[in-house]
Amino acid sequence: MNLTVFGATGRTGRALLTAAAAAGLPTTAHVRDPARLAGAPAGRIVTGSVFERDTVLDALEGAEAVVVAFGLRRRERRIPLYAQGTRNVVDAMHLLGVHRLLVVSAAAYGDHVHGAVQRGLAKLYGTVAAPAVRGRREQDAVVTASGLDWTVVRPTALTEGPARGHRPPVTAPRRADTYRLTYADLAGLILQALPDPATYRRSLYP
């Protein structure tokens, strides 16, 4: 499986590149700044913005699966990365005939929140990070309307550290305070989900 990763310089992206290399999978990392890969092993690096059509198409050349792992710093939350960036990737996938898409999102809003404590935290997050939540909702709409074989992975809490043995992909929501996933665990879950048709067109709550 030839894998292209957008958002490859974030903690999820770097963990995914590391896990893919360990599994012997060829990868392409689409990045704005290659230095921010911090040694994560990418087989091919395409430098550019997700808002640049040519570099997105270049990164997708030969791809069999695509992972979008966008993240925004607090000062960047008004940049339309989640929605427009994902739309640009989806459009390029259609153009090149790439069908498998996995998006790393969040479970901190709307129907994805379960439990009284989590709903309270989500309400606070929705207030202080309204542009980011709006962007995630718009990203959801882009993905679900894409016509691709999509999966959205919605981790609730991520920590640094080695893999501790992630749970298999599931479709039922799970209370966020019962399990803490490392970025390495998330990367393993992504690699497990990508070739599995049972994960198509649904959200996973690790």
Protein backbone atom coordinates (compact mmCIF):
# COMPACT_ATOMS: atom_id res chain seq x y z
CA MET A 1 0.00 0.00 0.00
CA ASN A 2 1.54 3.28 -1.13
CA LEU A 3 0.54 5.88 1.46
CA THR A 4 0.44 9.67 1.19
CA VAL A 5 0.25 11.68 4.41
CA PHE A 6 -0.96 15.28 4.58
CA GLY A 7 -0.17 17.02 7.84
CA ALA A 8 2.88 14.81 8.12
CA THR A 9 4.88 17.13 10.40
CA GLY A 10 2.40 16.95 13.27
CA ARG A 11 2.75 14.41 16.06
CA THR A 12 0.21 12.07 14.47
CA GLY A 13 1.81 12.40 11.04
CA ARG A 14 5.32 11.71 12.32
CA ALA A 15 4.15 8.70 14.32
CA LEU A 16 2.34 7.38 11.26
CA LEU A 17 5.42 7.73 9.04
CA THR A 18 7.47 5.87 11.63
CA ALA A 19 4.92 3.05 11.91
CA ALA A 20 4.56 2.80 8.12
CA ALA A 21 8.34 2.55 7.69
CA ALA A 22 8.47 -0.22 10.31
CA ALA A 23 5.75 -2.05 8.37
CA GLY A 24 7.67 -1.66 5.10
CA LEU A 25 5.09 0.61 3.47
CA PRO A 26 6.19 3.22 0.90
CA THR A 27 5.19 6.72 1.99
CA THR A 28 4.99 10.25 0.67
CA ALA A 29 4.89 13.17 3.10
CA HIS A 30 3.34 16.45 1.96
CA VAL A 31 4.81 19.21 4.13
CA ARG A 32 5.33 22.94 4.21
CA ASP A 33 8.66 22.65 6.04
CA PRO A 34 10.63 19.39 5.70
CA ALA A 35 12.74 20.30 8.74
CA ARG A 36 9.67 19.85 10.93
CA LEU A 37 9.58 16.14 10.10
CA ALA A 38 12.23 15.90 12.82
CA GLY A 39 13.72 12.73 11.38
CA ALA A 40 10.44 10.92 10.73
CA PRO A 41 11.14 8.49 7.88
CA ALA A 42 9.33 9.50 4.69
CA GLY A 43 10.17 7.65 1.50
CA ARG A 44 9.37 10.74 -0.56
CA ILE A 45 8.86 14.35 0.53
CA VAL A 46 6.79 16.88 -1.41
CA THR A 47 7.19 20.43 -0.17
CA GLY A 48 4.28 22.81 -0.51
CA SER A 49 0.98 24.03 0.85
CA VAL A 50 -2.22 22.03 0.71
CA PHE A 51 -3.66 25.13 -0.95
CA GLU A 52 -1.30 24.59 -3.90
CA ARG A 53 -2.98 22.27 -6.38
CA ASP A 54 0.21 21.21 -8.13
CA THR A 55 1.99 20.04 -4.98
CA VAL A 56 -1.12 18.17 -3.79
CA LEU A 57 -1.29 16.34 -7.12
CA ASP A 58 2.42 15.61 -6.96
CA ALA A 59 2.07 14.11 -3.48
CA LEU A 60 -0.77 11.87 -4.65
CA GLU A 61 1.13 10.46 -7.62
CA GLY A 62 1.10 6.68 -7.22
CA ALA A 63 -0.86 6.78 -3.96
CA GLU A 64 -3.20 3.94 -3.02
CA ALA A 65 -4.35 5.45 0.28
CA VAL A 66 -4.35 8.93 1.78
CA VAL A 67 -4.26 10.08 5.40
CA VAL A 68 -5.19 13.66 6.30
CA ALA A 69 -3.88 14.55 9.75
CA PHE A 70 -4.23 18.33 9.80
CA GLY A 71 -3.73 20.30 12.98
CA LEU A 72 -3.86 24.01 13.70
CA ARG A 73 -2.05 25.98 16.36
CA ARG A 74 -4.22 28.33 18.38
CA ARG A 75 -3.11 31.41 16.42
CA GLU A 76 -3.94 29.62 13.14
CA ARG A 77 -7.50 28.53 13.93
CA ARG A 78 -9.12 30.90 11.43
CA ILE A 79 -7.16 29.40 8.51
CA PRO A 80 -9.61 27.20 6.51
CA LEU A 81 -7.25 24.24 6.64
CA TYR A 82 -9.67 21.58 7.79
CA ALA A 83 -12.41 22.25 5.25
CA GLN A 84 -10.66 23.78 2.24
CA GLY A 85 -7.48 21.80 2.66
CA THR A 86 -9.42 18.55 2.82
CA ARG A 87 -11.55 19.58 -0.15
CA ASN A 88 -8.40 20.20 -2.18
CA VAL A 89 -7.10 16.73 -1.31
CA VAL A 90 -10.45 15.12 -2.16
CA ASP A 91 -10.64 16.91 -5.51
CA ALA A 92 -7.12 15.78 -6.39
CA MET A 93 -7.94 12.21 -5.35
CA HIS A 94 -10.90 12.17 -7.72
CA LEU A 95 -8.75 13.54 -10.51
CA LEU A 96 -6.13 10.81 -10.04
CA GLY A 97 -8.52 7.98 -9.24
CA VAL A 98 -7.40 7.44 -5.62
CA HIS A 99 -10.27 6.09 -3.53
CA ARG A 100 -9.11 5.39 0.04
CA LEU A 101 -9.16 8.32 2.46
CA LEU A 102 -8.68 8.37 6.22
CA VAL A 103 -9.02 11.63 8.14
CA VAL A 104 -7.84 12.15 11.71
CA SER A 105 -10.33 14.48 13.38
CA ALA A 106 -11.63 14.86 16.93
CA ALA A 107 -14.44 13.67 19.16
CA ALA A 108 -14.87 16.89 21.11
CA TYR A 109 -18.03 18.24 19.50
CA GLY A 110 -21.60 17.43 18.56
CA ASP A 111 -22.81 13.84 18.36
CA HIS A 112 -19.29 12.56 18.96
CA VAL A 113 -19.33 13.54 22.64
CA HIS A 114 -20.62 11.06 25.23
CA GLY A 115 -20.90 11.37 28.99
CA ALA A 116 -21.82 14.37 31.15
CA VAL A 117 -18.25 15.33 31.96
CA GLN A 118 -17.21 15.17 28.32
CA ARG A 119 -20.21 17.22 27.22
CA GLY A 120 -19.24 19.91 29.71
CA LEU A 121 -15.65 19.95 28.45
CA ALA A 122 -16.87 19.98 24.85
CA LYS A 123 -19.09 22.97 25.53
CA LEU A 124 -16.11 24.86 26.95
CA TYR A 125 -13.92 23.83 24.01
CA GLY A 126 -16.61 24.91 21.57
CA THR A 127 -16.58 28.36 23.15
CA VAL A 128 -12.83 28.95 23.26
CA ALA A 129 -12.08 27.24 19.95
CA ALA A 130 -15.18 28.04 17.91
CA PRO A 131 -13.33 28.54 14.57
CA ALA A 132 -11.60 25.15 14.94
CA VAL A 133 -14.87 23.36 15.77
CA ARG A 134 -16.59 25.04 12.83
CA GLY A 135 -13.73 23.94 10.62
CA ARG A 136 -14.02 20.35 11.84
CA ARG A 137 -17.75 20.32 11.12
CA GLU A 138 -17.12 21.64 7.62
CA GLN A 139 -14.38 19.04 7.14
CA ASP A 140 -16.86 16.31 8.14
CA ALA A 141 -19.25 17.55 5.46
CA VAL A 142 -16.52 17.47 2.81
CA VAL A 143 -15.48 13.94 3.75
CA THR A 144 -18.95 12.39 4.00
CA ALA A 145 -20.01 13.92 0.66
CA SER A 146 -16.78 12.91 -1.10
CA GLY A 147 -17.97 9.61 -2.55
CA LEU A 148 -14.62 8.09 -1.52
CA ASP A 149 -13.95 5.09 0.70
CA TRP A 150 -13.52 7.32 3.73
CA THR A 151 -12.96 6.77 7.43
CA VAL A 152 -12.79 9.43 10.14
CA VAL A 153 -10.79 8.53 13.23
CA ARG A 154 -11.81 10.53 16.32
CA PRO A 155 -9.38 10.13 19.22
CA THR A 156 -10.35 11.85 22.45
CA ALA A 157 -7.05 12.03 24.33
CA LEU A 158 -3.57 11.48 22.93
CA THR A 159 -0.32 11.23 24.82
CA GLU A 160 3.35 10.86 23.99
CA GLY A 161 5.12 7.57 24.52
CA PRO A 162 5.63 4.16 22.97
CA ALA A 163 2.81 2.02 21.65
CA ARG A 164 0.92 0.33 24.47
CA GLY A 165 -1.27 -1.89 22.33
CA HIS A 166 -4.19 -0.06 20.74
CA ARG A 167 -7.67 -1.53 20.70
CA PRO A 168 -9.04 -2.78 17.35
CA PRO A 169 -11.03 -0.21 15.36
CA VAL A 170 -14.58 0.11 16.65
CA THR A 171 -17.64 2.05 15.59
CA ALA A 172 -19.33 2.51 18.97
CA PRO A 173 -18.38 5.64 20.93
CA ARG A 174 -16.36 5.08 24.09
CA ARG A 175 -16.00 7.30 27.14
CA ALA A 176 -12.90 9.42 26.76
CA ASP A 177 -11.77 8.94 30.35
CA THR A 178 -11.47 5.15 30.10
CA TYR A 179 -8.59 4.94 27.67
CA ARG A 180 -5.59 7.03 26.78
CA LEU A 181 -4.07 6.49 23.35
CA THR A 182 -0.47 7.29 22.48
CA TYR A 183 0.37 8.76 19.08
CA ALA A 184 2.16 5.49 18.31
CA ASP A 185 -1.00 3.55 19.16
CA LEU A 186 -3.03 5.83 16.91
CA ALA A 187 -0.59 5.25 14.06
CA GLY A 188 -0.98 1.51 14.48
CA LEU A 189 -4.75 1.81 14.47
CA ILE A 190 -4.63 3.86 11.27
CA LEU A 191 -2.50 1.27 9.50
CA GLN A 192 -4.89 -1.43 10.67
CA ALA A 193 -7.96 0.45 9.47
CA LEU A 194 -6.70 1.56 6.05
CA PRO A 195 -7.03 -1.81 4.23
CA ASP A 196 -10.18 -2.89 6.13
CA PRO A 197 -13.45 -2.36 4.19
CA ALA A 198 -15.36 -2.71 7.47
CA THR A 199 -14.07 0.74 8.41
CA TYR A 200 -15.28 2.45 5.22
CA ARG A 201 -17.77 5.31 5.50
CA ARG A 202 -17.86 5.49 9.28
CA SER A 203 -16.22 7.12 12.26
CA LEU A 204 -13.92 5.21 14.59
CA TYR A 205 -13.62 6.14 18.25
CA PRO A 206 -10.35 4.69 19.58
